């Protein structure tokens, strides 16, 4: 657990409660096109 859970920091918790962060989608403008996954086709069963 010492490696898994970082030490608590009260200021980080307080800042989060005062100003709830946006969702993952709201953190950045998503491109309309999907990422290019064609390179995986060069591998067998990719």
ModelCIF file with pLDDT and N, C-alpha, C, O atoms, coordinates in Angstrom:
data_MODEL
#
_entry.id   MODEL 
#
_entity.id                         1 
_entity.type                       polymer 
_entity.pdbx_number_of_molecules   1 
#
_entity_poly.entity_id                      1 
_entity_poly.type                           'polypeptide(L)' 
_entity_poly.nstd_linkage                   no 
_entity_poly.nstd_monomer                   no 
_entity_poly.pdbx_seq_one_letter_code       
;(UNK)(UNK)(UNK)(UNK)(UNK)(UNK)(UNK)(UNK)(UNK)(UNK)(UNK)(UNK)(UNK)(UNK)(UNK)(UNK)
(UNK)(UNK)(UNK)(UNK)(UNK)(UNK)(UNK)(UNK)(UNK)(UNK)(UNK)(UNK)(UNK)(UNK)(UNK)(UNK)
(UNK)(UNK)(UNK)(UNK)(UNK)(UNK)(UNK)(UNK)(UNK)(UNK)(UNK)(UNK)(UNK)(UNK)
;
_entity_poly.pdbx_seq_one_letter_code_can   XXXXXXXXXXXXXXXXXXXXXXXXXXXXXXXXXXXXXXXXXXXXXX 
_entity_poly.pdbx_strand_id                 A 
#
loop_
_entity_poly_seq.entity_id 
_entity_poly_seq.num 
_entity_poly_seq.mon_id 
_entity_poly_seq.hetero 
1 1  UNK n 
1 2  UNK n 
1 3  UNK n 
1 4  UNK n 
1 5  UNK n 
1 6  UNK n 
1 7  UNK n 
1 8  UNK n 
1 9  UNK n 
1 10 UNK n 
1 11 UNK n 
1 12 UNK n 
1 13 UNK n 
1 14 UNK n 
1 15 UNK n 
1 16 UNK n 
1 17 UNK n 
1 18 UNK n 
1 19 UNK n 
1 20 UNK n 
1 21 UNK n 
1 22 UNK n 
1 23 UNK n 
1 24 UNK n 
1 25 UNK n 
1 26 UNK n 
1 27 UNK n 
1 28 UNK n 
1 29 UNK n 
1 30 UNK n 
1 31 UNK n 
1 32 UNK n 
1 33 UNK n 
1 34 UNK n 
1 35 UNK n 
1 36 UNK n 
1 37 UNK n 
1 38 UNK n 
1 39 UNK n 
1 40 UNK n 
1 41 UNK n 
1 42 UNK n 
1 43 UNK n 
1 44 UNK n 
1 45 UNK n 
1 46 UNK n 
#
_struct_asym.id          A 
_struct_asym.entity_id   1 
#
loop_
_ma_qa_metric.id 
_ma_qa_metric.mode 
_ma_qa_metric.name 
_ma_qa_metric.software_group_id 
_ma_qa_metric.type 
1 global pLDDT . pLDDT 
2 local  pLDDT . pLDDT 
#
_ma_qa_metric_global.metric_id      1 
_ma_qa_metric_global.metric_value   87.26 
_ma_qa_metric_global.model_id       1 
_ma_qa_metric_global.ordinal_id     1 
#
loop_
_ma_qa_metric_local.label_asym_id 
_ma_qa_metric_local.label_comp_id 
_ma_qa_metric_local.label_seq_id 
_ma_qa_metric_local.metric_id 
_ma_qa_metric_local.metric_value 
_ma_qa_metric_local.model_id 
_ma_qa_metric_local.ordinal_id 
A UNK 1  2 97.00 1 1  
A UNK 2  2 95.00 1 2  
A UNK 3  2 94.00 1 3  
A UNK 4  2 97.00 1 4  
A UNK 5  2 97.00 1 5  
A UNK 6  2 96.00 1 6  
A UNK 7  2 94.00 1 7  
A UNK 8  2 94.00 1 8  
A UNK 9  2 93.00 1 9  
A UNK 10 2 92.00 1 10 
A UNK 11 2 92.00 1 11 
A UNK 12 2 92.00 1 12 
A UNK 13 2 92.00 1 13 
A UNK 14 2 91.00 1 14 
A UNK 15 2 90.00 1 15 
A UNK 16 2 89.00 1 16 
A UNK 17 2 85.00 1 17 
A UNK 18 2 85.00 1 18 
A UNK 19 2 84.00 1 19 
A UNK 20 2 82.00 1 20 
A UNK 21 2 82.00 1 21 
A UNK 22 2 86.00 1 22 
A UNK 23 2 85.00 1 23 
A UNK 24 2 86.00 1 24 
A UNK 25 2 83.00 1 25 
A UNK 26 2 81.00 1 26 
A UNK 27 2 80.00 1 27 
A UNK 28 2 78.00 1 28 
A UNK 29 2 64.00 1 29 
A UNK 30 2 58.00 1 30 
A UNK 31 2 57.00 1 31 
A UNK 32 2 60.00 1 32 
A UNK 33 2 74.00 1 33 
A UNK 34 2 81.00 1 34 
A UNK 35 2 90.00 1 35 
A UNK 36 2 91.00 1 36 
A UNK 37 2 95.00 1 37 
A UNK 38 2 94.00 1 38 
A UNK 39 2 94.00 1 39 
A UNK 40 2 96.00 1 40 
A UNK 41 2 94.00 1 41 
A UNK 42 2 94.00 1 42 
A UNK 43 2 96.00 1 43 
A UNK 44 2 95.00 1 44 
A UNK 45 2 94.00 1 45 
A UNK 46 2 95.00 1 46 
#
loop_
_atom_site.group_PDB 
_atom_site.id 
_atom_site.type_symbol 
_atom_site.label_atom_id 
_atom_site.label_alt_id 
_atom_site.label_comp_id 
_atom_site.label_asym_id 
_atom_site.label_entity_id 
_atom_site.label_seq_id 
_atom_site.pdbx_PDB_ins_code 
_atom_site.Cartn_x 
_atom_site.Cartn_y 
_atom_site.Cartn_z 
_atom_site.occupancy 
_atom_site.B_iso_or_equiv 
_atom_site.pdbx_formal_charge 
_atom_site.auth_seq_id 
_atom_site.auth_comp_id 
_atom_site.auth_asym_id 
_atom_site.auth_atom_id 
_atom_site.pdbx_PDB_model_num 
ATOM 1   N N  . UNK A 1 1  ? 0.830   -1.204  0.000   1.00 97.00 ? 1  UNK A N  1 
ATOM 2   C CA . UNK A 1 1  ? 0.000   0.000   0.000   1.00 97.00 ? 1  UNK A CA 1 
ATOM 3   C C  . UNK A 1 1  ? 0.864   1.254   0.000   1.00 97.00 ? 1  UNK A C  1 
ATOM 4   O O  . UNK A 1 1  ? 0.480   2.274   -0.572  1.00 97.00 ? 1  UNK A O  1 
ATOM 5   N N  . UNK A 1 2  ? 2.021   1.183   0.635   1.00 95.00 ? 2  UNK A N  1 
ATOM 6   C CA . UNK A 1 2  ? 2.947   2.323   0.661   1.00 95.00 ? 2  UNK A CA 1 
ATOM 7   C C  . UNK A 1 2  ? 3.313   2.776   -0.748  1.00 95.00 ? 2  UNK A C  1 
ATOM 8   O O  . UNK A 1 2  ? 3.466   3.971   -0.998  1.00 95.00 ? 2  UNK A O  1 
ATOM 9   N N  . UNK A 1 3  ? 3.454   1.818   -1.676  1.00 94.00 ? 3  UNK A N  1 
ATOM 10  C CA . UNK A 1 3  ? 3.771   2.160   -3.060  1.00 94.00 ? 3  UNK A CA 1 
ATOM 11  C C  . UNK A 1 3  ? 2.522   2.489   -3.868  1.00 94.00 ? 3  UNK A C  1 
ATOM 12  O O  . UNK A 1 3  ? 2.585   3.244   -4.838  1.00 94.00 ? 3  UNK A O  1 
ATOM 13  N N  . UNK A 1 4  ? 1.389   1.924   -3.467  1.00 97.00 ? 4  UNK A N  1 
ATOM 14  C CA . UNK A 1 4  ? 0.177   2.062   -4.264  1.00 97.00 ? 4  UNK A CA 1 
ATOM 15  C C  . UNK A 1 4  ? -0.545  3.383   -4.029  1.00 97.00 ? 4  UNK A C  1 
ATOM 16  O O  . UNK A 1 4  ? -1.058  3.979   -4.975  1.00 97.00 ? 4  UNK A O  1 
ATOM 17  N N  . UNK A 1 5  ? -0.594  3.852   -2.779  1.00 97.00 ? 5  UNK A N  1 
ATOM 18  C CA . UNK A 1 5  ? -1.375  5.040   -2.433  1.00 97.00 ? 5  UNK A CA 1 
ATOM 19  C C  . UNK A 1 5  ? -0.418  6.151   -2.019  1.00 97.00 ? 5  UNK A C  1 
ATOM 20  O O  . UNK A 1 5  ? 0.357   5.967   -1.081  1.00 97.00 ? 5  UNK A O  1 
ATOM 21  N N  . UNK A 1 6  ? -0.450  7.288   -2.686  1.00 96.00 ? 6  UNK A N  1 
ATOM 22  C CA . UNK A 1 6  ? 0.457   8.386   -2.314  1.00 96.00 ? 6  UNK A CA 1 
ATOM 23  C C  . UNK A 1 6  ? 0.058   9.020   -0.985  1.00 96.00 ? 6  UNK A C  1 
ATOM 24  O O  . UNK A 1 6  ? -1.071  8.861   -0.522  1.00 96.00 ? 6  UNK A O  1 
ATOM 25  N N  . UNK A 1 7  ? 0.980   9.725   -0.392  1.00 94.00 ? 7  UNK A N  1 
ATOM 26  C CA . UNK A 1 7  ? 0.725   10.430  0.863   1.00 94.00 ? 7  UNK A CA 1 
ATOM 27  C C  . UNK A 1 7  ? -0.353  11.487  0.667   1.00 94.00 ? 7  UNK A C  1 
ATOM 28  O O  . UNK A 1 7  ? -0.389  12.178  -0.351  1.00 94.00 ? 7  UNK A O  1 
ATOM 29  N N  . UNK A 1 8  ? -1.235  11.599  1.666   1.00 94.00 ? 8  UNK A N  1 
ATOM 30  C CA . UNK A 1 8  ? -2.328  12.566  1.569   1.00 94.00 ? 8  UNK A CA 1 
ATOM 31  C C  . UNK A 1 8  ? -1.781  13.989  1.617   1.00 94.00 ? 8  UNK A C  1 
ATOM 32  O O  . UNK A 1 8  ? -0.818  14.285  2.325   1.00 94.00 ? 8  UNK A O  1 
ATOM 33  N N  . UNK A 1 9  ? -2.429  14.863  0.839   1.00 93.00 ? 9  UNK A N  1 
ATOM 34  C CA . UNK A 1 9  ? -2.086  16.280  0.849   1.00 93.00 ? 9  UNK A CA 1 
ATOM 35  C C  . UNK A 1 9  ? -3.384  17.058  0.991   1.00 93.00 ? 9  UNK A C  1 
ATOM 36  O O  . UNK A 1 9  ? -4.208  17.080  0.077   1.00 93.00 ? 9  UNK A O  1 
ATOM 37  N N  . UNK A 1 10 ? -3.562  17.699  2.149   1.00 92.00 ? 10 UNK A N  1 
ATOM 38  C CA . UNK A 1 10 ? -4.836  18.351  2.464   1.00 92.00 ? 10 UNK A CA 1 
ATOM 39  C C  . UNK A 1 10 ? -5.173  19.463  1.482   1.00 92.00 ? 10 UNK A C  1 
ATOM 40  O O  . UNK A 1 10 ? -6.342  19.648  1.144   1.00 92.00 ? 10 UNK A O  1 
ATOM 41  N N  . UNK A 1 11 ? -4.175  20.207  1.017   1.00 92.00 ? 11 UNK A N  1 
ATOM 42  C CA . UNK A 1 11 ? -4.454  21.316  0.112   1.00 92.00 ? 11 UNK A CA 1 
ATOM 43  C C  . UNK A 1 11 ? -5.020  20.821  -1.209  1.00 92.00 ? 11 UNK A C  1 
ATOM 44  O O  . UNK A 1 11 ? -5.881  21.474  -1.799  1.00 92.00 ? 11 UNK A O  1 
ATOM 45  N N  . UNK A 1 12 ? -4.547  19.676  -1.678  1.00 92.00 ? 12 UNK A N  1 
ATOM 46  C CA . UNK A 1 12 ? -5.073  19.125  -2.925  1.00 92.00 ? 12 UNK A CA 1 
ATOM 47  C C  . UNK A 1 12 ? -6.532  18.718  -2.759  1.00 92.00 ? 12 UNK A C  1 
ATOM 48  O O  . UNK A 1 12 ? -7.347  18.940  -3.655  1.00 92.00 ? 12 UNK A O  1 
ATOM 49  N N  . UNK A 1 13 ? -6.863  18.124  -1.621  1.00 92.00 ? 13 UNK A N  1 
ATOM 50  C CA . UNK A 1 13 ? -8.259  17.749  -1.365  1.00 92.00 ? 13 UNK A CA 1 
ATOM 51  C C  . UNK A 1 13 ? -9.140  18.988  -1.258  1.00 92.00 ? 13 UNK A C  1 
ATOM 52  O O  . UNK A 1 13 ? -10.239 19.024  -1.811  1.00 92.00 ? 13 UNK A O  1 
ATOM 53  N N  . UNK A 1 14 ? -8.664  19.986  -0.558  1.00 91.00 ? 14 UNK A N  1 
ATOM 54  C CA . UNK A 1 14 ? -9.452  21.196  -0.361  1.00 91.00 ? 14 UNK A CA 1 
ATOM 55  C C  . UNK A 1 14 ? -9.697  21.901  -1.699  1.00 91.00 ? 14 UNK A C  1 
ATOM 56  O O  . UNK A 1 14 ? -10.802 22.378  -1.958  1.00 91.00 ? 14 UNK A O  1 
ATOM 57  N N  . UNK A 1 15 ? -8.683  21.963  -2.531  1.00 90.00 ? 15 UNK A N  1 
ATOM 58  C CA . UNK A 1 15 ? -8.838  22.607  -3.833  1.00 90.00 ? 15 UNK A CA 1 
ATOM 59  C C  . UNK A 1 15 ? -9.837  21.855  -4.697  1.00 90.00 ? 15 UNK A C  1 
ATOM 60  O O  . UNK A 1 15 ? -10.583 22.464  -5.464  1.00 90.00 ? 15 UNK A O  1 
ATOM 61  N N  . UNK A 1 16 ? -9.852  20.545  -4.576  1.00 89.00 ? 16 UNK A N  1 
ATOM 62  C CA . UNK A 1 16 ? -10.790 19.751  -5.373  1.00 89.00 ? 16 UNK A CA 1 
ATOM 63  C C  . UNK A 1 16 ? -12.228 19.984  -4.935  1.00 89.00 ? 16 UNK A C  1 
ATOM 64  O O  . UNK A 1 16 ? -13.127 20.062  -5.772  1.00 89.00 ? 16 UNK A O  1 
ATOM 65  N N  . UNK A 1 17 ? -12.453 20.096  -3.618  1.00 85.00 ? 17 UNK A N  1 
ATOM 66  C CA . UNK A 1 17 ? -13.808 20.321  -3.114  1.00 85.00 ? 17 UNK A CA 1 
ATOM 67  C C  . UNK A 1 17 ? -14.315 21.714  -3.463  1.00 85.00 ? 17 UNK A C  1 
ATOM 68  O O  . UNK A 1 17 ? -15.502 21.908  -3.723  1.00 85.00 ? 17 UNK A O  1 
ATOM 69  N N  . UNK A 1 18 ? -13.401 22.679  -3.467  1.00 85.00 ? 18 UNK A N  1 
ATOM 70  C CA . UNK A 1 18 ? -13.812 24.053  -3.768  1.00 85.00 ? 18 UNK A CA 1 
ATOM 71  C C  . UNK A 1 18 ? -14.080 24.263  -5.253  1.00 85.00 ? 18 UNK A C  1 
ATOM 72  O O  . UNK A 1 18 ? -14.924 25.076  -5.630  1.00 85.00 ? 18 UNK A O  1 
ATOM 73  N N  . UNK A 1 19 ? -13.369 23.537  -6.081  1.00 84.00 ? 19 UNK A N  1 
ATOM 74  C CA . UNK A 1 19 ? -13.514 23.717  -7.529  1.00 84.00 ? 19 UNK A CA 1 
ATOM 75  C C  . UNK A 1 19 ? -13.435 22.346  -8.191  1.00 84.00 ? 19 UNK A C  1 
ATOM 76  O O  . UNK A 1 19 ? -12.343 21.879  -8.517  1.00 84.00 ? 19 UNK A O  1 
ATOM 77  N N  . UNK A 1 20 ? -14.574 21.702  -8.392  1.00 82.00 ? 20 UNK A N  1 
ATOM 78  C CA . UNK A 1 20 ? -14.615 20.367  -8.966  1.00 82.00 ? 20 UNK A CA 1 
ATOM 79  C C  . UNK A 1 20 ? -14.058 20.368  -10.388 1.00 82.00 ? 20 UNK A C  1 
ATOM 80  O O  . UNK A 1 20 ? -14.531 21.132  -11.229 1.00 82.00 ? 20 UNK A O  1 
ATOM 81  N N  . UNK A 1 21 ? -13.060 19.523  -10.672 1.00 82.00 ? 21 UNK A N  1 
ATOM 82  C CA . UNK A 1 21 ? -12.460 19.504  -12.015 1.00 82.00 ? 21 UNK A CA 1 
ATOM 83  C C  . UNK A 1 21 ? -13.476 19.077  -13.074 1.00 82.00 ? 21 UNK A C  1 
ATOM 84  O O  . UNK A 1 21 ? -14.447 18.389  -12.760 1.00 82.00 ? 21 UNK A O  1 
ATOM 85  N N  . UNK A 1 22 ? -13.257 19.480  -14.320 1.00 86.00 ? 22 UNK A N  1 
ATOM 86  C CA . UNK A 1 22 ? -14.149 19.069  -15.412 1.00 86.00 ? 22 UNK A CA 1 
ATOM 87  C C  . UNK A 1 22 ? -13.969 17.597  -15.761 1.00 86.00 ? 22 UNK A C  1 
ATOM 88  O O  . UNK A 1 22 ? -13.020 16.959  -15.304 1.00 86.00 ? 22 UNK A O  1 
ATOM 89  N N  . UNK A 1 23 ? -14.864 17.064  -16.559 1.00 85.00 ? 23 UNK A N  1 
ATOM 90  C CA . UNK A 1 23 ? -14.748 15.680  -17.008 1.00 85.00 ? 23 UNK A CA 1 
ATOM 91  C C  . UNK A 1 23 ? -13.605 15.548  -18.003 1.00 85.00 ? 23 UNK A C  1 
ATOM 92  O O  . UNK A 1 23 ? -13.042 16.545  -18.455 1.00 85.00 ? 23 UNK A O  1 
ATOM 93  N N  . UNK A 1 24 ? -13.265 14.294  -18.344 1.00 86.00 ? 24 UNK A N  1 
ATOM 94  C CA . UNK A 1 24 ? -12.153 14.061  -19.265 1.00 86.00 ? 24 UNK A CA 1 
ATOM 95  C C  . UNK A 1 24 ? -12.447 14.683  -20.618 1.00 86.00 ? 24 UNK A C  1 
ATOM 96  O O  . UNK A 1 24 ? -11.557 15.269  -21.234 1.00 86.00 ? 24 UNK A O  1 
ATOM 97  N N  . UNK A 1 25 ? -13.683 14.566  -21.092 1.00 83.00 ? 25 UNK A N  1 
ATOM 98  C CA . UNK A 1 25 ? -14.035 15.153  -22.384 1.00 83.00 ? 25 UNK A CA 1 
ATOM 99  C C  . UNK A 1 25 ? -13.931 16.671  -22.351 1.00 83.00 ? 25 UNK A C  1 
ATOM 100 O O  . UNK A 1 25 ? -13.562 17.286  -23.352 1.00 83.00 ? 25 UNK A O  1 
ATOM 101 N N  . UNK A 1 26 ? -14.254 17.286  -21.211 1.00 81.00 ? 26 UNK A N  1 
ATOM 102 C CA . UNK A 1 26 ? -14.213 18.747  -21.108 1.00 81.00 ? 26 UNK A CA 1 
ATOM 103 C C  . UNK A 1 26 ? -12.797 19.299  -20.945 1.00 81.00 ? 26 UNK A C  1 
ATOM 104 O O  . UNK A 1 26 ? -12.576 20.500  -21.099 1.00 81.00 ? 26 UNK A O  1 
ATOM 105 N N  . UNK A 1 27 ? -11.833 18.419  -20.632 1.00 80.00 ? 27 UNK A N  1 
ATOM 106 C CA . UNK A 1 27 ? -10.462 18.888  -20.418 1.00 80.00 ? 27 UNK A CA 1 
ATOM 107 C C  . UNK A 1 27 ? -9.789  19.341  -21.708 1.00 80.00 ? 27 UNK A C  1 
ATOM 108 O O  . UNK A 1 27 ? -8.803  20.077  -21.671 1.00 80.00 ? 27 UNK A O  1 
ATOM 109 N N  . UNK A 1 28 ? -10.311 18.907  -22.838 1.00 78.00 ? 28 UNK A N  1 
ATOM 110 C CA . UNK A 1 28 ? -9.713  19.304  -24.103 1.00 78.00 ? 28 UNK A CA 1 
ATOM 111 C C  . UNK A 1 28 ? -10.688 19.109  -25.230 1.00 78.00 ? 28 UNK A C  1 
ATOM 112 O O  . UNK A 1 28 ? -11.615 18.305  -25.131 1.00 78.00 ? 28 UNK A O  1 
ATOM 113 N N  . UNK A 1 29 ? -10.486 19.835  -26.287 1.00 64.00 ? 29 UNK A N  1 
ATOM 114 C CA . UNK A 1 29 ? -11.355 19.719  -27.445 1.00 64.00 ? 29 UNK A CA 1 
ATOM 115 C C  . UNK A 1 29 ? -10.941 18.501  -28.247 1.00 64.00 ? 29 UNK A C  1 
ATOM 116 O O  . UNK A 1 29 ? -9.809  18.411  -28.722 1.00 64.00 ? 29 UNK A O  1 
ATOM 117 N N  . UNK A 1 30 ? -11.880 17.552  -28.397 1.00 58.00 ? 30 UNK A N  1 
ATOM 118 C CA . UNK A 1 30 ? -11.579 16.321  -29.108 1.00 58.00 ? 30 UNK A CA 1 
ATOM 119 C C  . UNK A 1 30 ? -11.676 16.536  -30.620 1.00 58.00 ? 30 UNK A C  1 
ATOM 120 O O  . UNK A 1 30 ? -12.561 17.233  -31.115 1.00 58.00 ? 30 UNK A O  1 
ATOM 121 N N  . UNK A 1 31 ? -10.749 15.921  -31.324 1.00 57.00 ? 31 UNK A N  1 
ATOM 122 C CA . UNK A 1 31 ? -10.805 15.989  -32.784 1.00 57.00 ? 31 UNK A CA 1 
ATOM 123 C C  . UNK A 1 31 ? -11.990 15.160  -33.279 1.00 57.00 ? 31 UNK A C  1 
ATOM 124 O O  . UNK A 1 31 ? -12.404 14.191  -32.643 1.00 57.00 ? 31 UNK A O  1 
ATOM 125 N N  . UNK A 1 32 ? -12.515 15.564  -34.419 1.00 60.00 ? 32 UNK A N  1 
ATOM 126 C CA . UNK A 1 32 ? -13.688 14.855  -34.948 1.00 60.00 ? 32 UNK A CA 1 
ATOM 127 C C  . UNK A 1 32 ? -13.317 13.504  -35.540 1.00 60.00 ? 32 UNK A C  1 
ATOM 128 O O  . UNK A 1 32 ? -14.105 12.563  -35.454 1.00 60.00 ? 32 UNK A O  1 
ATOM 129 N N  . UNK A 1 33 ? -12.137 13.386  -36.139 1.00 74.00 ? 33 UNK A N  1 
ATOM 130 C CA . UNK A 1 33 ? -11.749 12.122  -36.756 1.00 74.00 ? 33 UNK A CA 1 
ATOM 131 C C  . UNK A 1 33 ? -11.108 11.200  -35.727 1.00 74.00 ? 33 UNK A C  1 
ATOM 132 O O  . UNK A 1 33 ? -10.494 11.649  -34.759 1.00 74.00 ? 33 UNK A O  1 
ATOM 133 N N  . UNK A 1 34 ? -11.267 9.892   -35.962 1.00 81.00 ? 34 UNK A N  1 
ATOM 134 C CA . UNK A 1 34 ? -10.680 8.894   -35.077 1.00 81.00 ? 34 UNK A CA 1 
ATOM 135 C C  . UNK A 1 34 ? -9.179  8.799   -35.315 1.00 81.00 ? 34 UNK A C  1 
ATOM 136 O O  . UNK A 1 34 ? -8.714  9.083   -36.419 1.00 81.00 ? 34 UNK A O  1 
ATOM 137 N N  . UNK A 1 35 ? -8.415  8.406   -34.302 1.00 90.00 ? 35 UNK A N  1 
ATOM 138 C CA . UNK A 1 35 ? -6.969  8.220   -34.495 1.00 90.00 ? 35 UNK A CA 1 
ATOM 139 C C  . UNK A 1 35 ? -6.699  7.153   -35.549 1.00 90.00 ? 35 UNK A C  1 
ATOM 140 O O  . UNK A 1 35 ? -7.485  6.223   -35.729 1.00 90.00 ? 35 UNK A O  1 
ATOM 141 N N  . UNK A 1 36 ? -5.583  7.304   -36.234 1.00 91.00 ? 36 UNK A N  1 
ATOM 142 C CA . UNK A 1 36 ? -5.210  6.370   -37.298 1.00 91.00 ? 36 UNK A CA 1 
ATOM 143 C C  . UNK A 1 36 ? -4.662  5.081   -36.670 1.00 91.00 ? 36 UNK A C  1 
ATOM 144 O O  . UNK A 1 36 ? -3.617  5.089   -36.019 1.00 91.00 ? 36 UNK A O  1 
ATOM 145 N N  . UNK A 1 37 ? -5.385  3.981   -36.876 1.00 95.00 ? 37 UNK A N  1 
ATOM 146 C CA . UNK A 1 37 ? -4.978  2.681   -36.336 1.00 95.00 ? 37 UNK A CA 1 
ATOM 147 C C  . UNK A 1 37 ? -4.526  1.725   -37.434 1.00 95.00 ? 37 UNK A C  1 
ATOM 148 O O  . UNK A 1 37 ? -4.395  0.524   -37.198 1.00 95.00 ? 37 UNK A O  1 
ATOM 149 N N  . UNK A 1 38 ? -4.290  2.252   -38.628 1.00 94.00 ? 38 UNK A N  1 
ATOM 150 C CA . UNK A 1 38 ? -3.967  1.378   -39.763 1.00 94.00 ? 38 UNK A CA 1 
ATOM 151 C C  . UNK A 1 38 ? -2.640  0.654   -39.590 1.00 94.00 ? 38 UNK A C  1 
ATOM 152 O O  . UNK A 1 38 ? -2.459  -0.433  -40.138 1.00 94.00 ? 38 UNK A O  1 
ATOM 153 N N  . UNK A 1 39 ? -1.700  1.240   -38.831 1.00 94.00 ? 39 UNK A N  1 
ATOM 154 C CA . UNK A 1 39 ? -0.385  0.603   -38.667 1.00 94.00 ? 39 UNK A CA 1 
ATOM 155 C C  . UNK A 1 39 ? -0.490  -0.755  -37.992 1.00 94.00 ? 39 UNK A C  1 
ATOM 156 O O  . UNK A 1 39 ? 0.359   -1.619  -38.210 1.00 94.00 ? 39 UNK A O  1 
ATOM 157 N N  . UNK A 1 40 ? -1.529  -0.957  -37.169 1.00 96.00 ? 40 UNK A N  1 
ATOM 158 C CA . UNK A 1 40 ? -1.689  -2.266  -36.521 1.00 96.00 ? 40 UNK A CA 1 
ATOM 159 C C  . UNK A 1 40 ? -1.983  -3.366  -37.533 1.00 96.00 ? 40 UNK A C  1 
ATOM 160 O O  . UNK A 1 40 ? -1.791  -4.545  -37.239 1.00 96.00 ? 40 UNK A O  1 
ATOM 161 N N  . UNK A 1 41 ? -2.449  -2.989  -38.729 1.00 94.00 ? 41 UNK A N  1 
ATOM 162 C CA . UNK A 1 41 ? -2.717  -3.987  -39.758 1.00 94.00 ? 41 UNK A CA 1 
ATOM 163 C C  . UNK A 1 41 ? -1.470  -4.626  -40.322 1.00 94.00 ? 41 UNK A C  1 
ATOM 164 O O  . UNK A 1 41 ? -1.564  -5.634  -41.023 1.00 94.00 ? 41 UNK A O  1 
ATOM 165 N N  . UNK A 1 42 ? -0.292  -4.066  -40.035 1.00 94.00 ? 42 UNK A N  1 
ATOM 166 C CA . UNK A 1 42 ? 0.964   -4.667  -40.501 1.00 94.00 ? 42 UNK A CA 1 
ATOM 167 C C  . UNK A 1 42 ? 1.370   -5.882  -39.679 1.00 94.00 ? 42 UNK A C  1 
ATOM 168 O O  . UNK A 1 42 ? 2.330   -6.575  -40.016 1.00 94.00 ? 42 UNK A O  1 
ATOM 169 N N  . UNK A 1 43 ? 0.644   -6.135  -38.609 1.00 96.00 ? 43 UNK A N  1 
ATOM 170 C CA . UNK A 1 43 ? 0.968   -7.262  -37.731 1.00 96.00 ? 43 UNK A CA 1 
ATOM 171 C C  . UNK A 1 43 ? -0.088  -8.351  -37.880 1.00 96.00 ? 43 UNK A C  1 
ATOM 172 O O  . UNK A 1 43 ? -1.269  -8.062  -38.076 1.00 96.00 ? 43 UNK A O  1 
ATOM 173 N N  . UNK A 1 44 ? 0.341   -9.580  -37.787 1.00 95.00 ? 44 UNK A N  1 
ATOM 174 C CA . UNK A 1 44 ? -0.566  -10.719 -37.951 1.00 95.00 ? 44 UNK A CA 1 
ATOM 175 C C  . UNK A 1 44 ? -1.645  -10.663 -36.873 1.00 95.00 ? 44 UNK A C  1 
ATOM 176 O O  . UNK A 1 44 ? -1.338  -10.626 -35.682 1.00 95.00 ? 44 UNK A O  1 
ATOM 177 N N  . UNK A 1 45 ? -2.902  -10.657 -37.294 1.00 94.00 ? 45 UNK A N  1 
ATOM 178 C CA . UNK A 1 45 ? -4.074  -10.537 -36.415 1.00 94.00 ? 45 UNK A CA 1 
ATOM 179 C C  . UNK A 1 45 ? -4.091  -9.193  -35.669 1.00 94.00 ? 45 UNK A C  1 
ATOM 180 O O  . UNK A 1 45 ? -4.760  -9.061  -34.644 1.00 94.00 ? 45 UNK A O  1 
ATOM 181 N N  . UNK A 1 46 ? -3.358  -8.202  -36.181 1.00 95.00 ? 46 UNK A N  1 
ATOM 182 C CA . UNK A 1 46 ? -3.324  -6.910  -35.511 1.00 95.00 ? 46 UNK A CA 1 
ATOM 183 C C  . UNK A 1 46 ? -4.670  -6.204  -35.528 1.00 95.00 ? 46 UNK A C  1 
ATOM 184 O O  . UNK A 1 46 ? -4.794  -5.100  -34.998 1.00 95.00 ? 46 UNK A O  1 
#
